[in-house]
N, C-alpha and C. Protein backbone atom coordinates (compact mmCIF):
# COMPACT_ATOMS: atom_id res chain seq x y z
N MET A 1 2.88 2.06 3.72
CA MET A 1 2.16 0.62 3.33
C MET A 1 0.76 0.56 3.69
N ILE A 2 0.09 -0.04 3.20
CA ILE A 2 -1.36 -0.55 3.00
C ILE A 2 -1.44 -2.18 3.32
N ASP A 3 -2.32 -2.35 4.30
CA ASP A 3 -2.15 -3.97 4.43
C ASP A 3 -3.92 -4.21 5.10
N LEU A 4 -4.18 -4.71 4.09
CA LEU A 4 -5.97 -5.22 4.16
C LEU A 4 -6.58 -6.46 4.46
N HIS A 5 -5.43 -7.14 5.58
CA HIS A 5 -5.43 -8.57 5.51
C HIS A 5 -4.69 -8.84 6.70
N THR A 6 -5.31 -8.73 7.87
CA THR A 6 -4.64 -9.09 9.16
C THR A 6 -5.61 -9.79 10.16
N HIS A 7 -4.92 -10.28 11.34
CA HIS A 7 -5.37 -10.95 11.99
C HIS A 7 -5.16 -10.69 13.89
N THR A 8 -5.82 -10.67 14.75
CA THR A 8 -5.66 -10.64 15.98
C THR A 8 -6.02 -11.58 16.82
N LEU A 9 -6.01 -11.38 18.16
CA LEU A 9 -6.40 -12.73 18.98
C LEU A 9 -7.79 -12.68 19.00
N LEU A 10 -8.71 -12.36 18.47
CA LEU A 10 -10.16 -12.38 18.34
C LEU A 10 -10.42 -13.59 17.51
N SER A 11 -8.91 -13.86 16.77
CA SER A 11 -9.13 -14.94 15.82
C SER A 11 -7.75 -15.96 16.05
N ASP A 12 -6.82 -15.74 15.55
CA ASP A 12 -5.66 -16.74 15.87
C ASP A 12 -4.35 -15.84 15.69
N GLY A 13 -4.65 -14.71 15.70
CA GLY A 13 -3.49 -13.73 15.86
C GLY A 13 -2.76 -13.38 17.33
N ALA A 14 -1.78 -12.90 17.60
CA ALA A 14 -0.96 -13.13 18.91
C ALA A 14 -1.39 -11.69 19.70
N LEU A 15 -1.87 -10.44 18.64
CA LEU A 15 -1.95 -9.48 19.20
C LEU A 15 -3.70 -8.72 19.87
N LEU A 16 -3.92 -8.15 20.31
CA LEU A 16 -5.04 -7.41 20.91
C LEU A 16 -5.01 -5.92 19.52
N PRO A 17 -6.32 -5.93 19.19
CA PRO A 17 -6.12 -5.14 17.90
C PRO A 17 -5.66 -3.86 17.82
N ALA A 18 -5.64 -3.02 19.28
CA ALA A 18 -4.89 -2.04 19.70
C ALA A 18 -3.47 -2.09 19.16
N GLU A 19 -2.92 -3.04 19.90
CA GLU A 19 -1.52 -2.94 19.64
C GLU A 19 -0.90 -3.16 18.38
N LEU A 20 -1.67 -4.10 17.46
CA LEU A 20 -1.63 -4.35 15.98
C LEU A 20 -1.72 -3.11 15.40
N ILE A 21 -2.40 -2.40 15.80
CA ILE A 21 -3.08 -1.03 14.91
C ILE A 21 -1.69 -0.08 15.28
N ARG A 22 -1.10 -0.08 16.56
CA ARG A 22 -0.50 0.91 16.92
C ARG A 22 0.88 0.81 16.51
N ARG A 23 1.35 -1.05 16.35
CA ARG A 23 2.23 -1.27 15.66
C ARG A 23 3.02 -0.94 14.27
N ALA A 24 1.49 -1.30 13.86
CA ALA A 24 1.36 -0.40 12.07
C ALA A 24 2.04 0.90 11.88
N GLU A 25 1.05 1.38 12.50
CA GLU A 25 1.31 2.97 12.65
C GLU A 25 2.64 3.35 12.83
N ALA A 26 3.39 2.57 13.87
CA ALA A 26 4.37 3.03 14.15
C ALA A 26 5.83 2.48 12.90
N ILE A 27 5.57 1.94 12.03
CA ILE A 27 6.59 1.86 11.17
C ILE A 27 6.02 2.08 9.75
N GLY A 28 5.09 3.35 9.85
CA GLY A 28 4.68 3.66 8.87
C GLY A 28 3.63 3.37 8.08
N TYR A 29 2.77 2.37 8.33
CA TYR A 29 1.58 2.17 7.62
C TYR A 29 0.74 3.30 7.64
N THR A 30 -0.25 3.41 6.14
CA THR A 30 -0.98 4.39 6.19
C THR A 30 -2.25 3.75 6.41
N ALA A 31 -2.75 2.85 6.06
CA ALA A 31 -4.11 2.17 6.20
C ALA A 31 -4.18 0.70 6.55
N ILE A 32 -4.85 0.01 7.39
CA ILE A 32 -4.98 -1.60 7.99
C ILE A 32 -6.40 -1.88 8.28
N ALA A 33 -6.54 -3.28 7.51
CA ALA A 33 -7.68 -3.78 7.93
C ALA A 33 -7.55 -5.02 9.29
N ILE A 34 -8.51 -4.85 10.08
CA ILE A 34 -8.30 -5.91 10.86
C ILE A 34 -9.44 -7.07 10.09
N THR A 35 -9.04 -8.27 9.86
CA THR A 35 -9.95 -9.18 9.17
C THR A 35 -9.81 -10.62 9.76
N ASP A 36 -10.27 -10.45 11.15
CA ASP A 36 -9.83 -11.96 11.67
C ASP A 36 -11.01 -12.92 11.01
N HIS A 37 -10.38 -14.08 11.21
CA HIS A 37 -11.17 -15.48 10.86
C HIS A 37 -12.76 -15.79 11.11
N VAL A 38 -13.37 -15.81 10.39
CA VAL A 38 -14.93 -15.96 10.83
C VAL A 38 -15.48 -17.53 10.11
N ASP A 39 -16.54 -18.06 10.43
CA ASP A 39 -17.38 -18.69 9.54
C ASP A 39 -18.73 -18.59 10.39
N VAL A 40 -19.57 -19.63 10.34
CA VAL A 40 -20.88 -19.49 10.87
C VAL A 40 -20.88 -19.37 11.93
N SER A 41 -20.05 -20.05 12.89
CA SER A 41 -20.09 -19.98 14.72
C SER A 41 -19.63 -18.98 15.21
N ASN A 42 -18.72 -18.00 14.76
CA ASN A 42 -18.55 -17.12 15.61
C ASN A 42 -18.59 -15.67 14.68
N PHE A 43 -19.42 -15.45 13.41
CA PHE A 43 -19.12 -14.25 13.19
C PHE A 43 -19.95 -13.45 13.85
N ASP A 44 -20.91 -13.54 14.75
CA ASP A 44 -21.75 -12.58 15.23
C ASP A 44 -21.19 -12.07 16.42
N PHE A 45 -20.12 -12.72 16.63
CA PHE A 45 -19.21 -12.60 18.19
C PHE A 45 -17.67 -11.75 17.74
N VAL A 46 -17.40 -12.11 16.49
CA VAL A 46 -16.13 -11.30 16.25
C VAL A 46 -15.98 -9.96 15.75
N ILE A 47 -16.80 -9.91 14.70
CA ILE A 47 -17.63 -8.92 13.79
C ILE A 47 -17.68 -7.17 14.60
N PRO A 48 -18.83 -7.70 15.36
CA PRO A 48 -18.94 -6.44 16.46
C PRO A 48 -17.63 -5.86 17.30
N ARG A 49 -16.67 -6.70 17.80
CA ARG A 49 -15.94 -6.40 18.60
C ARG A 49 -14.61 -5.67 17.58
N ILE A 50 -14.58 -6.30 16.47
CA ILE A 50 -13.60 -5.72 15.49
C ILE A 50 -13.91 -4.15 15.12
N VAL A 51 -15.24 -4.06 14.73
CA VAL A 51 -15.82 -2.96 14.73
C VAL A 51 -15.66 -1.82 15.54
N LYS A 52 -16.03 -2.26 17.21
CA LYS A 52 -15.69 -1.56 18.10
C LYS A 52 -14.24 -0.82 18.49
N ALA A 53 -13.33 -2.17 17.85
CA ALA A 53 -11.71 -1.87 18.32
C ALA A 53 -11.50 -0.88 17.30
N CYS A 54 -11.86 -0.77 15.78
CA CYS A 54 -11.35 0.06 14.99
C CYS A 54 -12.11 1.36 15.07
N GLN A 55 -13.21 1.68 15.75
CA GLN A 55 -13.95 2.85 16.03
C GLN A 55 -13.14 3.15 17.01
N LYS A 56 -12.71 2.79 17.97
CA LYS A 56 -11.73 3.32 18.99
C LYS A 56 -10.46 3.74 18.58
N ALA A 57 -9.61 3.02 18.05
CA ALA A 57 -8.47 3.52 17.26
C ALA A 57 -8.63 4.82 16.45
N ALA A 58 -9.83 4.67 15.78
CA ALA A 58 -9.88 5.91 14.99
C ALA A 58 -9.87 7.36 15.51
N GLU A 59 -10.30 7.08 16.93
CA GLU A 59 -10.56 8.12 17.66
C GLU A 59 -8.89 8.62 18.36
N GLN A 60 -7.75 7.64 18.58
CA GLN A 60 -6.69 8.01 18.91
C GLN A 60 -5.55 7.98 17.72
N CYS A 61 -5.63 7.14 16.72
CA CYS A 61 -4.72 7.43 15.74
C CYS A 61 -4.83 8.20 14.50
N ASN A 62 -4.19 8.93 14.37
CA ASN A 62 -3.84 10.18 13.22
C ASN A 62 -3.16 10.03 12.12
N ASN A 63 -2.81 9.06 11.94
CA ASN A 63 -1.93 8.99 10.96
C ASN A 63 -2.06 7.46 10.11
N ILE A 64 -2.98 6.70 10.41
CA ILE A 64 -3.38 5.63 9.75
C ILE A 64 -4.94 5.39 9.87
N THR A 65 -5.40 4.96 8.67
CA THR A 65 -6.82 4.58 8.68
C THR A 65 -7.19 3.15 8.75
N VAL A 66 -8.18 2.77 9.71
CA VAL A 66 -8.42 1.56 10.31
C VAL A 66 -9.35 1.14 9.98
N ILE A 67 -9.78 -0.14 9.47
CA ILE A 67 -11.11 -0.73 8.67
C ILE A 67 -11.46 -1.96 9.37
N PRO A 68 -12.76 -2.12 9.61
CA PRO A 68 -13.40 -2.96 10.21
C PRO A 68 -13.25 -4.05 9.14
N GLY A 69 -12.88 -5.27 9.28
CA GLY A 69 -13.29 -6.12 8.00
C GLY A 69 -13.61 -7.83 8.76
N ALA A 70 -13.61 -8.65 7.97
CA ALA A 70 -13.66 -10.20 8.21
C ALA A 70 -12.98 -10.65 6.85
N GLU A 71 -12.45 -12.28 7.41
CA GLU A 71 -12.04 -13.24 6.68
C GLU A 71 -12.82 -14.27 6.74
N LEU A 72 -13.54 -14.75 5.75
CA LEU A 72 -14.53 -15.60 5.55
C LEU A 72 -13.29 -17.10 5.43
N THR A 73 -13.85 -18.16 6.45
CA THR A 73 -12.54 -18.95 6.48
C THR A 73 -12.94 -20.52 6.53
N HIS A 74 -12.67 -21.21 5.55
CA HIS A 74 -13.13 -22.63 5.68
C HIS A 74 -14.60 -22.87 5.67
N ILE A 75 -15.19 -22.28 5.11
CA ILE A 75 -16.84 -22.89 5.05
C ILE A 75 -16.83 -22.98 3.85
N ASN A 76 -18.24 -23.65 4.09
CA ASN A 76 -18.99 -24.46 2.63
C ASN A 76 -19.29 -23.36 1.91
N PRO A 77 -18.75 -23.61 0.26
CA PRO A 77 -19.01 -22.40 -0.42
C PRO A 77 -20.19 -22.08 -0.49
N ALA A 78 -20.92 -22.82 -0.49
CA ALA A 78 -22.36 -22.28 -0.64
C ALA A 78 -23.05 -21.28 0.54
N ASP A 79 -22.49 -21.44 1.51
CA ASP A 79 -22.81 -20.13 2.39
C ASP A 79 -21.84 -18.96 2.51
N ILE A 80 -21.00 -18.90 1.43
CA ILE A 80 -20.59 -17.57 1.43
C ILE A 80 -21.25 -16.48 1.36
N PRO A 81 -22.37 -16.48 0.08
CA PRO A 81 -23.32 -15.33 0.04
C PRO A 81 -23.70 -14.76 1.53
N PHE A 82 -24.43 -15.86 2.13
CA PHE A 82 -25.19 -15.58 2.94
C PHE A 82 -24.02 -14.90 4.08
N LEU A 83 -23.02 -15.38 4.53
CA LEU A 83 -22.32 -14.75 5.49
C LEU A 83 -21.58 -13.60 5.03
N VAL A 84 -21.17 -13.36 3.70
CA VAL A 84 -21.07 -11.67 3.27
C VAL A 84 -22.09 -10.67 3.67
N ASN A 85 -23.46 -11.47 3.48
CA ASN A 85 -24.28 -10.36 3.31
C ASN A 85 -24.57 -10.11 5.24
N GLU A 86 -24.27 -11.07 5.59
CA GLU A 86 -24.23 -10.95 7.56
C GLU A 86 -23.60 -10.27 8.04
N SER A 87 -22.40 -10.56 7.55
CA SER A 87 -20.84 -9.46 7.95
C SER A 87 -21.07 -8.19 7.38
N ARG A 88 -21.23 -7.55 6.32
CA ARG A 88 -21.67 -6.66 6.07
C ARG A 88 -22.62 -5.87 6.96
N ALA A 89 -23.63 -6.62 7.29
CA ALA A 89 -24.80 -6.30 8.13
C ALA A 89 -24.16 -5.68 9.54
N LEU A 90 -23.29 -6.47 10.12
CA LEU A 90 -22.74 -6.13 11.50
C LEU A 90 -21.85 -5.40 11.59
N GLY A 91 -21.42 -4.81 10.27
CA GLY A 91 -20.39 -3.44 10.31
C GLY A 91 -19.54 -3.58 9.66
N ALA A 92 -18.84 -4.97 9.16
CA ALA A 92 -17.72 -5.42 8.24
C ALA A 92 -17.65 -4.60 7.14
N CYS A 93 -16.81 -3.65 6.68
CA CYS A 93 -16.64 -2.84 5.45
C CYS A 93 -15.85 -3.77 4.57
N LEU A 94 -15.26 -4.35 4.91
CA LEU A 94 -14.06 -5.45 4.18
C LEU A 94 -14.46 -6.41 3.81
N ILE A 95 -14.94 -7.23 2.74
CA ILE A 95 -14.84 -8.82 3.18
C ILE A 95 -13.68 -9.43 2.22
N VAL A 96 -12.93 -10.28 3.22
CA VAL A 96 -11.96 -11.06 2.37
C VAL A 96 -12.73 -12.71 2.34
N VAL A 97 -12.30 -13.47 1.25
CA VAL A 97 -12.50 -14.91 1.47
C VAL A 97 -11.12 -15.63 1.40
N HIS A 98 -11.06 -16.34 2.20
CA HIS A 98 -9.89 -17.30 2.52
C HIS A 98 -10.11 -18.59 1.10
N GLY A 99 -9.03 -18.28 0.61
CA GLY A 99 -9.00 -18.83 -0.94
C GLY A 99 -8.29 -20.11 -1.11
N GLU A 100 -8.21 -20.95 -2.22
CA GLU A 100 -7.93 -22.32 -2.12
C GLU A 100 -6.19 -22.34 -2.10
N THR A 101 -5.96 -21.85 -1.05
CA THR A 101 -4.47 -22.10 -0.85
C THR A 101 -3.94 -23.41 -0.86
N ILE A 102 -2.66 -23.79 -1.56
CA ILE A 102 -2.33 -25.57 -1.55
C ILE A 102 -1.82 -25.40 -0.43
N VAL A 103 -1.81 -24.96 0.63
CA VAL A 103 -1.11 -25.52 2.24
C VAL A 103 -1.96 -25.71 2.95
N GLU A 104 -3.63 -25.63 2.49
CA GLU A 104 -4.57 -25.90 3.59
C GLU A 104 -5.34 -26.69 2.72
N PRO A 105 -6.41 -27.59 3.59
CA PRO A 105 -7.50 -28.22 2.38
C PRO A 105 -8.77 -27.33 2.35
N VAL A 106 -8.87 -26.26 1.83
CA VAL A 106 -9.89 -25.39 1.50
C VAL A 106 -11.02 -26.01 0.32
N SER A 107 -11.88 -26.37 0.94
CA SER A 107 -13.27 -27.04 -0.04
C SER A 107 -13.24 -26.30 -1.38
N PRO A 108 -12.86 -27.49 -2.36
CA PRO A 108 -13.20 -27.00 -3.63
C PRO A 108 -14.32 -25.89 -4.37
N GLY A 109 -14.25 -25.40 -4.85
CA GLY A 109 -15.46 -24.43 -5.43
C GLY A 109 -15.25 -23.17 -4.33
N THR A 110 -14.51 -23.05 -3.35
CA THR A 110 -14.45 -21.73 -2.77
C THR A 110 -14.08 -20.24 -3.35
N ASN A 111 -12.77 -20.80 -4.37
CA ASN A 111 -12.63 -19.70 -5.00
C ASN A 111 -13.64 -19.25 -5.95
N ARG A 112 -14.29 -19.98 -6.76
CA ARG A 112 -15.32 -19.72 -8.02
C ARG A 112 -16.65 -19.22 -6.81
N LYS A 113 -16.75 -19.48 -5.76
CA LYS A 113 -18.33 -18.93 -5.37
C LYS A 113 -18.03 -17.82 -4.72
N ALA A 114 -16.48 -17.71 -4.25
CA ALA A 114 -16.11 -16.43 -3.39
C ALA A 114 -16.38 -15.29 -4.55
N LEU A 115 -15.75 -15.57 -5.77
CA LEU A 115 -15.98 -14.31 -6.95
C LEU A 115 -17.26 -13.77 -7.33
N GLU A 116 -18.40 -14.82 -7.02
CA GLU A 116 -19.32 -14.97 -7.76
C GLU A 116 -19.80 -14.20 -6.49
N SER A 117 -19.56 -13.80 -5.57
CA SER A 117 -20.37 -12.85 -4.11
C SER A 117 -19.78 -11.37 -4.34
N GLU A 118 -20.17 -10.58 -3.13
CA GLU A 118 -19.70 -9.23 -2.90
C GLU A 118 -19.13 -9.60 -2.17
N ILE A 119 -17.60 -9.92 -2.74
CA ILE A 119 -16.25 -9.73 -1.71
C ILE A 119 -15.73 -8.57 -2.41
N ASP A 120 -14.48 -8.53 -1.56
CA ASP A 120 -13.50 -7.24 -1.76
C ASP A 120 -12.41 -8.24 -2.41
N ILE A 121 -11.74 -8.89 -1.54
CA ILE A 121 -10.50 -9.81 -1.72
C ILE A 121 -10.36 -10.98 -1.79
N LEU A 122 -9.97 -11.64 -2.77
CA LEU A 122 -9.87 -13.39 -2.63
C LEU A 122 -8.54 -13.36 -2.08
N ALA A 123 -8.18 -13.91 -0.66
CA ALA A 123 -7.11 -13.81 0.10
C ALA A 123 -6.41 -15.49 -1.01
N HIS A 124 -5.32 -15.34 -1.03
CA HIS A 124 -3.93 -16.54 -1.46
C HIS A 124 -5.08 -17.81 -2.02
N PRO A 125 -5.47 -17.19 -3.44
CA PRO A 125 -6.01 -18.06 -4.04
C PRO A 125 -5.22 -19.24 -4.77
N GLY A 126 -4.37 -19.62 -4.53
CA GLY A 126 -3.65 -20.92 -4.84
C GLY A 126 -3.66 -20.93 -6.14
N LEU A 127 -3.91 -22.41 -6.96
CA LEU A 127 -3.48 -22.50 -8.46
C LEU A 127 -5.09 -21.99 -9.03
N ILE A 128 -5.19 -20.64 -8.90
CA ILE A 128 -6.79 -20.44 -9.27
C ILE A 128 -6.73 -20.39 -10.82
N THR A 129 -7.70 -20.61 -11.32
CA THR A 129 -8.09 -20.87 -13.21
C THR A 129 -8.20 -19.93 -13.79
N ASP A 130 -7.76 -19.68 -14.97
CA ASP A 130 -8.03 -18.73 -15.82
C ASP A 130 -9.40 -18.61 -15.73
N ASP A 131 -10.70 -19.11 -15.87
CA ASP A 131 -11.62 -18.80 -15.94
C ASP A 131 -11.90 -18.02 -14.74
N GLU A 132 -11.50 -18.19 -13.35
CA GLU A 132 -11.49 -17.55 -12.05
C GLU A 132 -10.86 -15.97 -12.20
N VAL A 133 -9.83 -16.25 -12.48
CA VAL A 133 -9.33 -15.01 -12.97
C VAL A 133 -10.28 -13.82 -13.89
N LYS A 134 -10.58 -14.39 -14.68
CA LYS A 134 -11.62 -13.46 -15.71
C LYS A 134 -12.45 -13.09 -14.89
N LEU A 135 -13.16 -13.87 -13.99
CA LEU A 135 -14.21 -13.78 -13.11
C LEU A 135 -13.74 -12.26 -12.51
N ALA A 136 -12.24 -12.39 -11.81
CA ALA A 136 -11.97 -11.63 -10.82
C ALA A 136 -11.66 -10.03 -11.70
N LYS A 137 -11.71 -10.30 -12.99
CA LYS A 137 -11.51 -9.07 -13.60
C LYS A 137 -12.92 -8.46 -13.92
N GLU A 138 -13.77 -8.97 -14.25
CA GLU A 138 -15.19 -8.52 -14.52
C GLU A 138 -15.58 -8.18 -13.37
N ARG A 139 -15.38 -8.71 -12.15
CA ARG A 139 -16.22 -8.01 -11.07
C ARG A 139 -15.41 -7.15 -10.19
N HIS A 140 -14.01 -6.93 -10.63
CA HIS A 140 -13.25 -6.12 -10.07
C HIS A 140 -13.29 -6.40 -8.54
N ILE A 141 -12.70 -7.71 -8.41
CA ILE A 141 -12.25 -8.31 -7.25
C ILE A 141 -10.69 -8.47 -6.98
N MET A 142 -10.04 -8.18 -6.04
CA MET A 142 -8.85 -7.95 -5.99
C MET A 142 -8.38 -9.71 -5.61
N LEU A 143 -7.64 -9.94 -6.49
CA LEU A 143 -6.48 -11.16 -6.21
C LEU A 143 -5.48 -10.74 -5.14
N GLU A 144 -5.32 -11.34 -4.03
CA GLU A 144 -3.81 -11.21 -3.28
C GLU A 144 -2.59 -11.96 -3.54
N VAL A 145 -1.86 -11.02 -3.50
CA VAL A 145 -0.20 -11.44 -3.58
C VAL A 145 -0.17 -11.70 -2.22
N SER A 146 0.62 -12.78 -1.54
CA SER A 146 0.51 -12.89 0.12
C SER A 146 1.86 -13.04 0.36
N ALA A 147 2.30 -12.54 1.68
CA ALA A 147 3.38 -12.32 2.16
C ALA A 147 3.42 -13.31 3.04
N ARG A 148 2.34 -14.06 3.42
CA ARG A 148 2.32 -15.00 4.50
C ARG A 148 3.13 -16.42 3.86
N LYS A 149 3.97 -17.02 4.85
CA LYS A 149 4.33 -18.69 4.52
C LYS A 149 3.55 -19.64 3.88
N GLY A 150 4.36 -20.26 3.14
CA GLY A 150 3.38 -21.13 2.76
C GLY A 150 1.87 -20.33 1.40
N HIS A 151 1.01 -19.64 1.94
CA HIS A 151 0.36 -18.86 1.18
C HIS A 151 0.91 -18.51 -0.22
N CYS A 152 2.45 -18.15 0.36
CA CYS A 152 2.98 -16.99 -0.77
C CYS A 152 3.68 -17.83 -2.23
N LEU A 153 3.49 -19.56 -1.87
CA LEU A 153 4.16 -20.41 -3.01
C LEU A 153 3.71 -20.35 -4.07
N THR A 154 2.35 -19.73 -4.48
CA THR A 154 1.59 -19.78 -5.63
C THR A 154 1.60 -18.26 -6.01
N ASN A 155 2.53 -17.11 -5.60
CA ASN A 155 2.15 -15.85 -5.86
C ASN A 155 2.36 -15.92 -7.23
N GLY A 156 3.60 -16.47 -7.71
CA GLY A 156 4.18 -16.48 -9.44
C GLY A 156 3.02 -16.76 -9.99
N HIS A 157 2.11 -17.74 -9.80
CA HIS A 157 0.98 -18.33 -10.47
C HIS A 157 -0.07 -17.35 -10.78
N VAL A 158 -0.23 -16.75 -9.51
CA VAL A 158 -1.68 -15.53 -9.62
C VAL A 158 -1.44 -14.52 -10.28
N VAL A 159 0.25 -14.12 -10.07
CA VAL A 159 0.60 -13.03 -10.78
C VAL A 159 0.47 -13.08 -12.38
N LYS A 160 0.98 -14.48 -12.65
CA LYS A 160 1.05 -14.64 -14.32
C LYS A 160 -0.01 -14.38 -15.01
N LEU A 161 -1.28 -14.79 -13.94
CA LEU A 161 -2.58 -15.04 -15.10
C LEU A 161 -3.02 -13.70 -14.44
N ALA A 162 -2.99 -12.90 -13.61
CA ALA A 162 -3.68 -11.82 -13.28
C ALA A 162 -3.38 -10.90 -14.55
N GLN A 163 -2.18 -10.90 -14.66
CA GLN A 163 -1.51 -9.91 -15.91
C GLN A 163 -1.70 -10.25 -17.01
N HIS A 164 -2.04 -11.33 -17.32
CA HIS A 164 -2.33 -11.81 -18.50
C HIS A 164 -4.02 -11.76 -18.98
N TYR A 165 -4.84 -11.46 -18.02
CA TYR A 165 -5.77 -11.33 -18.02
C TYR A 165 -6.55 -9.82 -17.66
N GLY A 166 -5.66 -9.22 -16.96
CA GLY A 166 -5.76 -7.73 -16.35
C GLY A 166 -6.59 -7.74 -15.27
N ALA A 167 -6.88 -8.80 -14.08
CA ALA A 167 -7.29 -8.87 -12.99
C ALA A 167 -6.53 -8.09 -12.28
N PRO A 168 -7.40 -7.21 -11.36
CA PRO A 168 -6.37 -6.47 -10.16
C PRO A 168 -6.01 -7.32 -9.17
N LEU A 169 -4.83 -6.75 -8.77
CA LEU A 169 -3.77 -7.46 -7.98
C LEU A 169 -3.84 -6.54 -6.40
N ILE A 170 -3.70 -6.87 -5.39
CA ILE A 170 -2.92 -6.31 -4.19
C ILE A 170 -2.47 -7.27 -3.26
N LEU A 171 -1.58 -6.85 -2.94
CA LEU A 171 -0.34 -7.22 -1.47
C LEU A 171 -0.64 -7.15 -0.21
N ASN A 172 -0.76 -7.82 0.38
CA ASN A 172 -1.09 -8.03 1.81
C ASN A 172 -0.34 -8.77 2.46
N THR A 173 -0.30 -8.92 3.87
CA THR A 173 0.75 -9.62 4.77
C THR A 173 -0.03 -10.74 5.17
N ASP A 174 -0.97 -10.77 5.38
CA ASP A 174 -1.73 -11.90 6.15
C ASP A 174 -1.28 -11.96 7.57
N ALA A 175 -0.92 -10.52 8.26
CA ALA A 175 -0.40 -10.73 9.33
C ALA A 175 -0.67 -11.50 10.54
N HIS A 176 -0.25 -12.37 11.54
CA HIS A 176 -0.99 -13.00 12.22
C HIS A 176 0.09 -12.68 13.73
N ALA A 177 1.27 -12.00 13.97
CA ALA A 177 2.03 -11.83 15.03
C ALA A 177 2.89 -10.19 14.40
N PRO A 178 3.68 -9.79 15.17
CA PRO A 178 4.08 -8.57 14.90
C PRO A 178 5.10 -8.22 13.84
N GLU A 179 6.07 -9.39 14.08
CA GLU A 179 6.89 -9.89 12.98
C GLU A 179 6.72 -9.70 11.67
N ASP A 180 5.31 -9.94 11.19
CA ASP A 180 4.82 -10.62 10.25
C ASP A 180 4.38 -8.83 9.36
N LEU A 181 4.26 -7.72 10.30
CA LEU A 181 3.92 -6.48 9.42
C LEU A 181 5.52 -6.04 8.60
N LEU A 182 5.22 -5.37 7.48
CA LEU A 182 6.49 -5.25 6.55
C LEU A 182 6.54 -3.79 6.22
N THR A 183 7.25 -3.27 6.06
CA THR A 183 7.81 -1.78 5.96
C THR A 183 7.58 -1.80 4.11
N CYS A 184 7.57 -0.90 3.62
CA CYS A 184 6.84 -0.67 2.26
C CYS A 184 8.24 -1.31 1.02
N LYS A 185 9.43 -1.13 1.59
CA LYS A 185 10.38 -1.75 0.97
C LYS A 185 10.11 -3.13 1.01
N GLN A 186 9.98 -3.74 2.24
CA GLN A 186 9.90 -5.02 2.12
C GLN A 186 8.60 -5.76 1.17
N ALA A 187 7.86 -5.07 1.51
CA ALA A 187 6.74 -5.65 0.57
C ALA A 187 7.00 -5.14 -0.99
N GLN A 188 7.68 -4.46 -0.97
CA GLN A 188 8.27 -4.09 -2.59
C GLN A 188 9.03 -5.22 -3.17
N ASN A 189 9.97 -5.91 -2.15
CA ASN A 189 10.78 -7.22 -2.68
C ASN A 189 9.68 -8.30 -2.66
N ILE A 190 8.84 -8.43 -2.17
CA ILE A 190 7.95 -9.52 -2.15
C ILE A 190 7.32 -9.34 -3.68
N ALA A 191 6.85 -8.57 -3.79
CA ALA A 191 6.30 -8.13 -5.07
C ALA A 191 6.94 -8.26 -6.09
N CYS A 192 8.66 -8.24 -6.34
CA CYS A 192 9.42 -8.33 -7.24
C CYS A 192 9.83 -9.84 -7.24
N GLY A 193 10.07 -10.55 -6.26
CA GLY A 193 10.24 -12.10 -6.13
C GLY A 193 8.98 -12.79 -6.77
N ALA A 194 7.65 -11.96 -6.80
CA ALA A 194 6.69 -12.91 -7.46
C ALA A 194 6.61 -12.34 -9.30
N GLY A 195 7.75 -11.75 -9.43
CA GLY A 195 7.64 -11.35 -10.93
C GLY A 195 6.99 -9.81 -11.37
N LEU A 196 6.83 -9.58 -10.13
CA LEU A 196 6.30 -7.80 -10.60
C LEU A 196 7.22 -6.83 -10.53
N THR A 197 7.18 -5.80 -11.31
CA THR A 197 8.03 -4.66 -11.44
C THR A 197 7.94 -3.48 -10.11
N GLN A 198 8.72 -2.38 -9.99
CA GLN A 198 8.55 -1.51 -8.83
C GLN A 198 6.95 -0.71 -9.53
N GLU A 199 6.72 -0.24 -10.69
CA GLU A 199 5.62 0.15 -11.18
C GLU A 199 4.71 -1.02 -10.95
N ASP A 200 4.79 -1.88 -10.95
CA ASP A 200 3.46 -2.84 -10.80
C ASP A 200 3.49 -2.88 -9.30
N PHE A 201 4.24 -2.83 -8.22
CA PHE A 201 3.94 -2.31 -7.00
C PHE A 201 3.06 -1.21 -6.53
N GLN A 202 3.59 -0.25 -7.53
CA GLN A 202 3.17 1.25 -7.26
C GLN A 202 1.61 0.98 -7.59
N HIS A 203 1.06 0.23 -8.70
CA HIS A 203 -0.18 -0.07 -9.16
C HIS A 203 -1.07 -0.76 -8.05
N MET A 204 -0.27 -1.65 -7.24
CA MET A 204 -0.97 -2.19 -6.32
C MET A 204 -1.47 -1.47 -5.28
N LEU A 205 -0.64 -0.76 -4.89
CA LEU A 205 -0.62 0.26 -3.72
C LEU A 205 -2.12 0.99 -4.38
N GLN A 206 -1.95 1.58 -5.50
CA GLN A 206 -3.06 2.51 -5.58
C GLN A 206 -4.45 1.62 -5.77
N ASN A 207 -4.35 0.36 -6.08
CA ASN A 207 -5.84 -0.62 -5.96
C ASN A 207 -6.02 -0.56 -4.72
N SER A 208 -5.17 -0.75 -3.87
CA SER A 208 -5.63 -0.54 -2.27
C SER A 208 -6.02 0.58 -1.69
N ARG A 209 -5.70 1.68 -2.44
CA ARG A 209 -6.53 3.06 -1.91
C ARG A 209 -7.76 3.02 -2.87
N GLN A 210 -7.95 2.77 -4.05
CA GLN A 210 -9.38 2.94 -4.46
C GLN A 210 -10.30 2.07 -3.62
N LEU A 211 -9.96 0.85 -3.75
CA LEU A 211 -10.49 0.09 -2.69
C LEU A 211 -11.22 0.67 -1.28
N ILE A 212 -9.87 1.33 -0.51
CA ILE A 212 -10.56 1.93 0.47
C ILE A 212 -11.28 2.91 0.50
N GLN A 213 -11.05 4.01 -0.91
CA GLN A 213 -12.28 4.72 -0.94
C GLN A 213 -13.59 4.33 -1.47
N ARG A 214 -13.56 3.21 -1.95
CA ARG A 214 -14.86 2.70 -2.37
C ARG A 214 -15.60 2.04 -0.74
N ILE A 215 -14.70 1.49 0.11
CA ILE A 215 -15.47 1.09 1.18
C ILE A 215 -15.92 1.55 2.38
N ILE A 216 -15.52 2.82 2.49
CA ILE A 216 -15.50 3.69 3.67
C ILE A 216 -16.18 5.24 3.06
């Protein structure tokens, strides 16, 4: 399993980074990204600590690749480019933007501004539009199929448009607690539930591998 969207108690998760990483390694993960929630108020506090935790984990864990990242969350869309640049400067290798999920009042225009910025993943993009999916394809930004309760309600819509226009898909847990981590078989079942085949799931894993190669 490769999971590029997770949270620790550095934002609203339940576990220390070290425990989340160890639990993921123990159930067979080969790669994990720590992408705690940040906005203009806390990015300069959270990201250096994620980086430090990932550096330490890399010294101790032999079977899992650990990637420092950040999820830009509930911010003014106009601030996204600034926060992307600042987060990268602080050592975030992977930038996720909290998309316009239907279960939270995310600012309209977030999906579009995120896709115009230098990000890697648009998480749970909700009722994303055709034009936004075309932009994701053009800029090779991953659209997330989410295992997270609530956010997963629009997986079918995201998959349908992404497959129609050829935009890249990725599957992540958006884990906040240990029970949110998935085995590869569980992740495959979620993909199938969203209308994808086993072959599509393997292609999503390959998208994750290629993204990792690009950013580290």
